[in-house]
Amino acid sequence: VTLAEFQAALEGVAEIQGIDGLRKRLVSFGYTKTLQVLEILEASGVDPSKLLSLEEFGAALCRIHVVEPNEHQAIFDNVRDRGDFTSKASVNDLMAALGSVGPWMLLEDLADRCHQKWDSADATWAGLGPGAKGDSIT
């Protein structure tokens, strides 16, 4: 077991108390892009713009490996209006919160495409950087 694997395992079982903890959990479970989370939630029938109660929000979180009710509450409280105890939260609110603790979805997509086309950071720089031949990453 490498140190990185051990750290990922610890992040996977650590209690989530905020959005940064959620991001760490998602990474430890193999999510490489925030967009993957959105795709899973949308595929399960959740409308990203619909305001959800804590119970509905928790059911959505279960689909992305967050199963503990206290973690549902912590994440829900971080993405809704805390000043209004009757407020609800949407998946879009969750995505915005995740964007505040991780790379933008556009950058994640760009990094993924570069990784598919070139095998290293040096090769990516050579392909896209100064003096590049104008290759496309589409």
C-alpha atoms as a PDB file:
ATOM      1  CA  VAL A   1       0.000   0.000   0.000  1.00  0.00           C
ATOM      2  CA  THR A   2       1.434   3.327  -1.026  1.00  0.00           C
ATOM      3  CA  LEU A   3       1.184   6.459   1.095  1.00  0.00           C
ATOM      4  CA  ALA A   4      -1.211   7.991  -1.448  1.00  0.00           C
ATOM      5  CA  GLU A   5      -3.474   4.908  -1.310  1.00  0.00           C
ATOM      6  CA  PHE A   6      -3.440   4.987   2.485  1.00  0.00           C
ATOM      7  CA  GLN A   7      -4.324   8.683   2.528  1.00  0.00           C
ATOM      8  CA  ALA A   8      -7.162   8.102   0.022  1.00  0.00           C
ATOM      9  CA  ALA A   9      -8.533   5.329   2.223  1.00  0.00           C
ATOM     10  CA  LEU A  10      -8.496   7.623   5.261  1.00  0.00           C
ATOM     11  CA  GLU A  11     -10.286  10.359   3.319  1.00  0.00           C
ATOM     12  CA  GLY A  12     -12.889   7.820   2.241  1.00  0.00           C
ATOM     13  CA  VAL A  13     -13.897   6.989   5.815  1.00  0.00           C
ATOM     14  CA  ALA A  14     -13.385  10.369   7.482  1.00  0.00           C
ATOM     15  CA  GLU A  15     -16.593  12.039   8.644  1.00  0.00           C
ATOM     16  CA  ILE A  16     -17.713  14.807   6.303  1.00  0.00           C
ATOM     17  CA  GLN A  17     -18.239  18.076   8.136  1.00  0.00           C
ATOM     18  CA  GLY A  18     -18.106  20.464   5.188  1.00  0.00           C
ATOM     19  CA  ILE A  19     -17.759  20.811   1.453  1.00  0.00           C
ATOM     20  CA  ASP A  20     -13.995  20.265   1.531  1.00  0.00           C
ATOM     21  CA  GLY A  21     -14.597  16.925   3.275  1.00  0.00           C
ATOM     22  CA  LEU A  22     -17.116  15.993   0.587  1.00  0.00           C
ATOM     23  CA  ARG A  23     -14.584  16.820  -2.123  1.00  0.00           C
ATOM     24  CA  LYS A  24     -11.993  14.592  -0.414  1.00  0.00           C
ATOM     25  CA  ARG A  25     -14.513  11.741  -0.149  1.00  0.00           C
ATOM     26  CA  LEU A  26     -15.382  12.021  -3.826  1.00  0.00           C
ATOM     27  CA  VAL A  27     -11.722  11.970  -4.833  1.00  0.00           C
ATOM     28  CA  SER A  28     -11.056   8.960  -2.594  1.00  0.00           C
ATOM     29  CA  PHE A  29     -13.904   7.089  -4.327  1.00  0.00           C
ATOM     30  CA  GLY A  30     -12.352   7.734  -7.726  1.00  0.00           C
ATOM     31  CA  TYR A  31     -14.275  10.748  -8.985  1.00  0.00           C
ATOM     32  CA  THR A  32     -11.891  12.764 -11.128  1.00  0.00           C
ATOM     33  CA  LYS A  33     -14.323  15.501 -12.180  1.00  0.00           C
ATOM     34  CA  THR A  34     -17.159  17.336 -10.502  1.00  0.00           C
ATOM     35  CA  LEU A  35     -19.151  16.752 -13.658  1.00  0.00           C
ATOM     36  CA  GLN A  36     -19.216  13.014 -12.867  1.00  0.00           C
ATOM     37  CA  VAL A  37     -21.182  13.783  -9.696  1.00  0.00           C
ATOM     38  CA  LEU A  38     -23.684  15.869 -11.629  1.00  0.00           C
ATOM     39  CA  GLU A  39     -24.070  13.141 -14.278  1.00  0.00           C
ATOM     40  CA  ILE A  40     -24.775  10.477 -11.638  1.00  0.00           C
ATOM     41  CA  LEU A  41     -27.348  12.632  -9.880  1.00  0.00           C
ATOM     42  CA  GLU A  42     -29.062  13.612 -13.118  1.00  0.00           C
ATOM     43  CA  ALA A  43     -29.116   9.986 -14.314  1.00  0.00           C
ATOM     44  CA  SER A  44     -30.946   9.021 -11.130  1.00  0.00           C
ATOM     45  CA  GLY A  45     -33.733  11.457 -12.000  1.00  0.00           C
ATOM     46  CA  VAL A  46     -32.777  14.386  -9.784  1.00  0.00           C
ATOM     47  CA  ASP A  47     -33.501  17.777 -11.364  1.00  0.00           C
ATOM     48  CA  PRO A  48     -30.372  19.844 -10.551  1.00  0.00           C
ATOM     49  CA  SER A  49     -32.358  23.072 -10.198  1.00  0.00           C
ATOM     50  CA  LYS A  50     -35.125  21.671  -7.969  1.00  0.00           C
ATOM     51  CA  LEU A  51     -34.980  22.747  -4.337  1.00  0.00           C
ATOM     52  CA  LEU A  52     -34.781  19.646  -2.163  1.00  0.00           C
ATOM     53  CA  SER A  53     -35.678  18.990   1.457  1.00  0.00           C
ATOM     54  CA  LEU A  54     -33.025  17.508   3.729  1.00  0.00           C
ATOM     55  CA  GLU A  55     -34.466  14.024   3.154  1.00  0.00           C
ATOM     56  CA  GLU A  56     -34.478  14.406  -0.644  1.00  0.00           C
ATOM     57  CA  PHE A  57     -31.001  15.950  -0.574  1.00  0.00           C
ATOM     58  CA  GLY A  58     -29.757  13.063   1.573  1.00  0.00           C
ATOM     59  CA  ALA A  59     -31.217  10.513  -0.852  1.00  0.00           C
ATOM     60  CA  ALA A  60     -29.304  12.223  -3.682  1.00  0.00           C
ATOM     61  CA  LEU A  61     -26.087  12.207  -1.642  1.00  0.00           C
ATOM     62  CA  CYS A  62     -26.447   8.447  -1.048  1.00  0.00           C
ATOM     63  CA  ARG A  63     -25.972   7.980  -4.798  1.00  0.00           C
ATOM     64  CA  ILE A  64     -22.456   9.453  -4.510  1.00  0.00           C
ATOM     65  CA  HIS A  65     -21.269   7.438  -1.479  1.00  0.00           C
ATOM     66  CA  VAL A  66     -22.429   9.800   1.280  1.00  0.00           C
ATOM     67  CA  VAL A  67     -24.759   7.647   3.369  1.00  0.00           C
ATOM     68  CA  GLU A  68     -24.621   8.960   6.925  1.00  0.00           C
ATOM     69  CA  PRO A  69     -27.506  11.262   8.005  1.00  0.00           C
ATOM     70  CA  ASN A  70     -25.181  13.540   9.997  1.00  0.00           C
ATOM     71  CA  GLU A  71     -23.074  14.032   6.847  1.00  0.00           C
ATOM     72  CA  HIS A  72     -26.227  14.816   4.853  1.00  0.00           C
ATOM     73  CA  GLN A  73     -27.093  17.473   7.444  1.00  0.00           C
ATOM     74  CA  ALA A  74     -23.592  18.981   7.423  1.00  0.00           C
ATOM     75  CA  ILE A  75     -23.491  19.271   3.622  1.00  0.00           C
ATOM     76  CA  PHE A  76     -27.095  20.521   3.440  1.00  0.00           C
ATOM     77  CA  ASP A  77     -26.318  23.227   6.002  1.00  0.00           C
ATOM     78  CA  ASN A  78     -23.287  24.298   3.984  1.00  0.00           C
ATOM     79  CA  VAL A  79     -25.186  24.813   0.735  1.00  0.00           C
ATOM     80  CA  ARG A  80     -28.514  26.280   1.866  1.00  0.00           C
ATOM     81  CA  ASP A  81     -29.403  29.619   3.415  1.00  0.00           C
ATOM     82  CA  ARG A  82     -28.555  29.081   7.084  1.00  0.00           C
ATOM     83  CA  GLY A  83     -30.462  32.218   8.041  1.00  0.00           C
ATOM     84  CA  ASP A  84     -33.741  30.618   6.976  1.00  0.00           C
ATOM     85  CA  PHE A  85     -34.451  27.326   8.726  1.00  0.00           C
ATOM     86  CA  THR A  86     -37.141  26.473   6.156  1.00  0.00           C
ATOM     87  CA  SER A  87     -34.782  26.888   3.183  1.00  0.00           C
ATOM     88  CA  LYS A  88     -33.953  24.041   0.840  1.00  0.00           C
ATOM     89  CA  ALA A  89     -30.954  23.255  -1.361  1.00  0.00           C
ATOM     90  CA  SER A  90     -30.532  22.086  -4.945  1.00  0.00           C
ATOM     91  CA  VAL A  91     -27.943  19.968  -6.704  1.00  0.00           C
ATOM     92  CA  ASN A  92     -26.861  23.172  -8.478  1.00  0.00           C
ATOM     93  CA  ASP A  93     -26.153  24.662  -5.038  1.00  0.00           C
ATOM     94  CA  LEU A  94     -24.052  21.592  -4.259  1.00  0.00           C
ATOM     95  CA  MET A  95     -22.122  21.922  -7.540  1.00  0.00           C
ATOM     96  CA  ALA A  96     -21.431  25.602  -6.840  1.00  0.00           C
ATOM     97  CA  ALA A  97     -20.154  24.719  -3.383  1.00  0.00           C
ATOM     98  CA  LEU A  98     -17.927  21.959  -4.768  1.00  0.00           C
ATOM     99  CA  GLY A  99     -16.570  24.471  -7.279  1.00  0.00           C
ATOM    100  CA  SER A 100     -15.390  26.625  -4.397  1.00  0.00           C
ATOM    101  CA  VAL A 101     -13.096  23.886  -3.050  1.00  0.00           C
ATOM    102  CA  GLY A 102     -11.920  22.292  -6.292  1.00  0.00           C
ATOM    103  CA  PRO A 103     -11.035  23.154  -9.858  1.00  0.00           C
ATOM    104  CA  TRP A 104     -13.682  24.567 -12.158  1.00  0.00           C
ATOM    105  CA  MET A 105     -15.498  21.978 -14.256  1.00  0.00           C
ATOM    106  CA  LEU A 106     -14.054  23.536 -17.414  1.00  0.00           C
ATOM    107  CA  LEU A 107     -10.505  23.094 -16.110  1.00  0.00           C
ATOM    108  CA  GLU A 108     -11.264  19.524 -15.055  1.00  0.00           C
ATOM    109  CA  ASP A 109     -12.547  18.753 -18.539  1.00  0.00           C
ATOM    110  CA  LEU A 110      -9.535  20.410 -20.156  1.00  0.00           C
ATOM    111  CA  ALA A 111      -7.150  18.453 -17.929  1.00  0.00           C
ATOM    112  CA  ASP A 112      -8.958  15.209 -18.762  1.00  0.00           C
ATOM    113  CA  ARG A 113      -8.738  15.867 -22.513  1.00  0.00           C
ATOM    114  CA  CYS A 114      -5.053  16.759 -22.261  1.00  0.00           C
ATOM    115  CA  HIS A 115      -4.375  13.591 -20.281  1.00  0.00           C
ATOM    116  CA  GLN A 116      -6.124  11.526 -22.962  1.00  0.00           C
ATOM    117  CA  LYS A 117      -4.123  13.124 -25.770  1.00  0.00           C
ATOM    118  CA  TRP A 118      -0.698  13.501 -24.146  1.00  0.00           C
ATOM    119  CA  ASP A 119       0.911  11.278 -21.549  1.00  0.00           C
ATOM    120  CA  SER A 120       2.653  13.887 -19.397  1.00  0.00           C
ATOM    121  CA  ALA A 121       2.615  17.525 -18.343  1.00  0.00           C
ATOM    122  CA  ASP A 122       5.699  18.138 -20.499  1.00  0.00           C
ATOM    123  CA  ALA A 123       3.983  16.650 -23.552  1.00  0.00           C
ATOM    124  CA  THR A 124       0.877  18.750 -22.857  1.00  0.00           C
ATOM    125  CA  TRP A 125       2.983  21.898 -22.620  1.00  0.00           C
ATOM    126  CA  ALA A 126       4.715  21.024 -25.870  1.00  0.00           C
ATOM    127  CA  GLY A 127       1.344  20.413 -27.516  1.00  0.00           C
ATOM    128  CA  LEU A 128      -0.403  23.533 -26.223  1.00  0.00           C
ATOM    129  CA  GLY A 129       2.329  25.892 -25.085  1.00  0.00           C
ATOM    130  CA  PRO A 130       4.433  28.432 -26.954  1.00  0.00           C
ATOM    131  CA  GLY A 131       5.558  27.112 -30.306  1.00  0.00           C
ATOM    132  CA  ALA A 132       2.855  24.438 -30.461  1.00  0.00           C
ATOM    133  CA  LYS A 133       1.650  23.403 -33.878  1.00  0.00           C
ATOM    134  CA  GLY A 134      -1.978  24.238 -33.038  1.00  0.00           C
ATOM    135  CA  ASP A 135      -3.152  20.707 -32.293  1.00  0.00           C
ATOM    136  CA  SER A 136      -6.717  20.374 -31.107  1.00  0.00           C
ATOM    137  CA  ILE A 137      -7.675  18.498 -27.959  1.00  0.00           C
ATOM    138  CA  THR A 138     -11.230  17.744 -29.052  1.00  0.00           C
END
